[in-house]
Protein backbone atom coordinates (compact mmCIF):
# COMPACT_ATOMS: atom_id res chain seq x y z
CA MET A 1 97.87 108.36 107.14
CA ARG A 2 95.42 106.73 105.36
CA PHE A 3 93.71 103.11 105.74
CA ARG A 4 92.05 100.80 103.28
CA ASP A 5 89.22 97.59 104.74
CA PHE A 6 89.04 94.60 102.86
CA VAL A 7 85.89 92.97 103.94
CA PRO A 8 84.54 89.79 102.63
CA GLU A 9 82.37 90.18 99.97
CA GLN A 10 78.60 89.00 100.41
CA ILE A 11 78.40 85.97 98.01
CA ASP A 12 74.49 84.86 98.48
CA GLY A 13 71.64 85.96 100.52
CA LYS A 14 68.11 84.07 100.85
CA TRP A 15 65.78 85.05 103.44
CA TYR A 16 65.09 82.08 104.88
CA ARG A 17 69.12 81.26 104.77
CA GLY A 18 70.56 84.04 105.62
CA ASN A 19 73.29 85.69 103.81
CA ARG A 20 76.49 83.70 103.25
CA TYR A 21 80.09 85.63 102.81
CA GLU A 22 83.59 85.19 101.24
CA SER A 23 86.00 83.51 103.71
CA PHE A 24 88.34 85.71 105.63
CA GLU A 25 91.10 84.28 103.47
CA ALA A 26 89.76 85.87 100.63
CA ALA A 27 89.75 89.26 102.18
CA VAL A 28 93.49 88.80 103.24
CA ALA A 29 94.19 87.49 99.50
CA ALA A 30 92.40 90.38 98.43
CA ALA A 31 94.71 92.89 100.91
CA GLY A 32 97.97 90.97 99.57
CA ASP A 33 97.09 91.62 96.18
CA TRP A 34 96.19 95.38 96.45
CA VAL A 35 99.57 95.74 98.34
CA LYS A 36 101.27 94.54 95.32
CA GLU A 37 99.48 96.19 92.89
CA GLU A 38 99.60 99.79 94.48
CA HIS A 39 103.33 99.38 95.70
CA VAL A 40 102.23 100.71 99.03
CA THR A 41 104.42 100.14 102.58
CA PRO A 42 102.01 98.97 105.06
CA LEU A 43 102.21 100.55 108.32
CA GLN A 44 100.18 98.12 110.03
CA ILE A 45 97.79 95.62 109.51
CA GLU A 46 94.67 94.92 111.88
CA THR A 47 92.09 92.42 112.07
CA VAL A 48 88.88 94.12 112.91
CA VAL A 49 85.42 93.03 114.35
CA LEU A 50 82.46 94.80 114.41
CA PRO A 51 78.93 94.34 114.91
CA ASN A 52 75.72 95.08 111.89
CA ILE A 53 78.06 96.83 109.56
CA HIS A 54 75.99 95.33 106.89
CA ALA A 55 72.97 96.37 108.51
CA PRO A 56 69.96 98.75 106.87
CA GLY A 57 71.00 102.34 108.15
CA GLU A 58 74.82 101.62 108.78
CA SER A 59 77.78 102.81 106.98
CA GLY A 60 79.96 99.78 106.87
CA THR A 61 83.35 99.57 108.23
CA THR A 62 83.60 103.49 108.57
CA ASP A 63 80.46 103.96 110.80
CA ALA A 64 81.72 105.60 113.86
CA SER A 65 78.73 104.50 115.65
CA LEU A 66 77.32 100.39 115.38
CA GLY A 67 74.62 99.56 117.74
CA THR A 68 73.94 96.02 118.63
CA VAL A 69 70.51 94.73 120.01
CA SER A 70 70.69 92.06 123.06
CA GLY A 71 70.28 88.66 121.14
CA TRP A 72 70.18 90.00 117.56
CA SER A 73 73.52 91.01 116.42
CA SER A 74 75.85 89.84 113.84
CA TRP A 75 79.57 90.27 113.86
CA TYR A 76 81.78 90.70 110.99
CA GLN A 77 85.72 90.29 110.65
CA PHE A 78 87.74 92.30 108.25
CA LEU A 79 91.24 93.41 107.53
CA ARG A 80 92.35 97.10 107.89
CA VAL A 81 95.68 97.96 106.07
CA TRP A 82 97.33 101.43 107.44
CA TYR A 83 99.34 102.77 104.80
């Protein structure tokens, strides 16, 4: 069994405005395109929400341990396709 994550991509980032990301719908569309192009059969599709996946020192969606700080955490939604 394998999985692939579809995370909304960062499209803009300014220190005074914060980072902006693609919509969740863009990640869903990317997953649909990948399934069609690669001819995979999804076993399950999940919406996953994790904190701080883009923080320095974190390994993104596959990090086994993600830390949070009270009052300072950003939560990110992405799509995981098991196949």
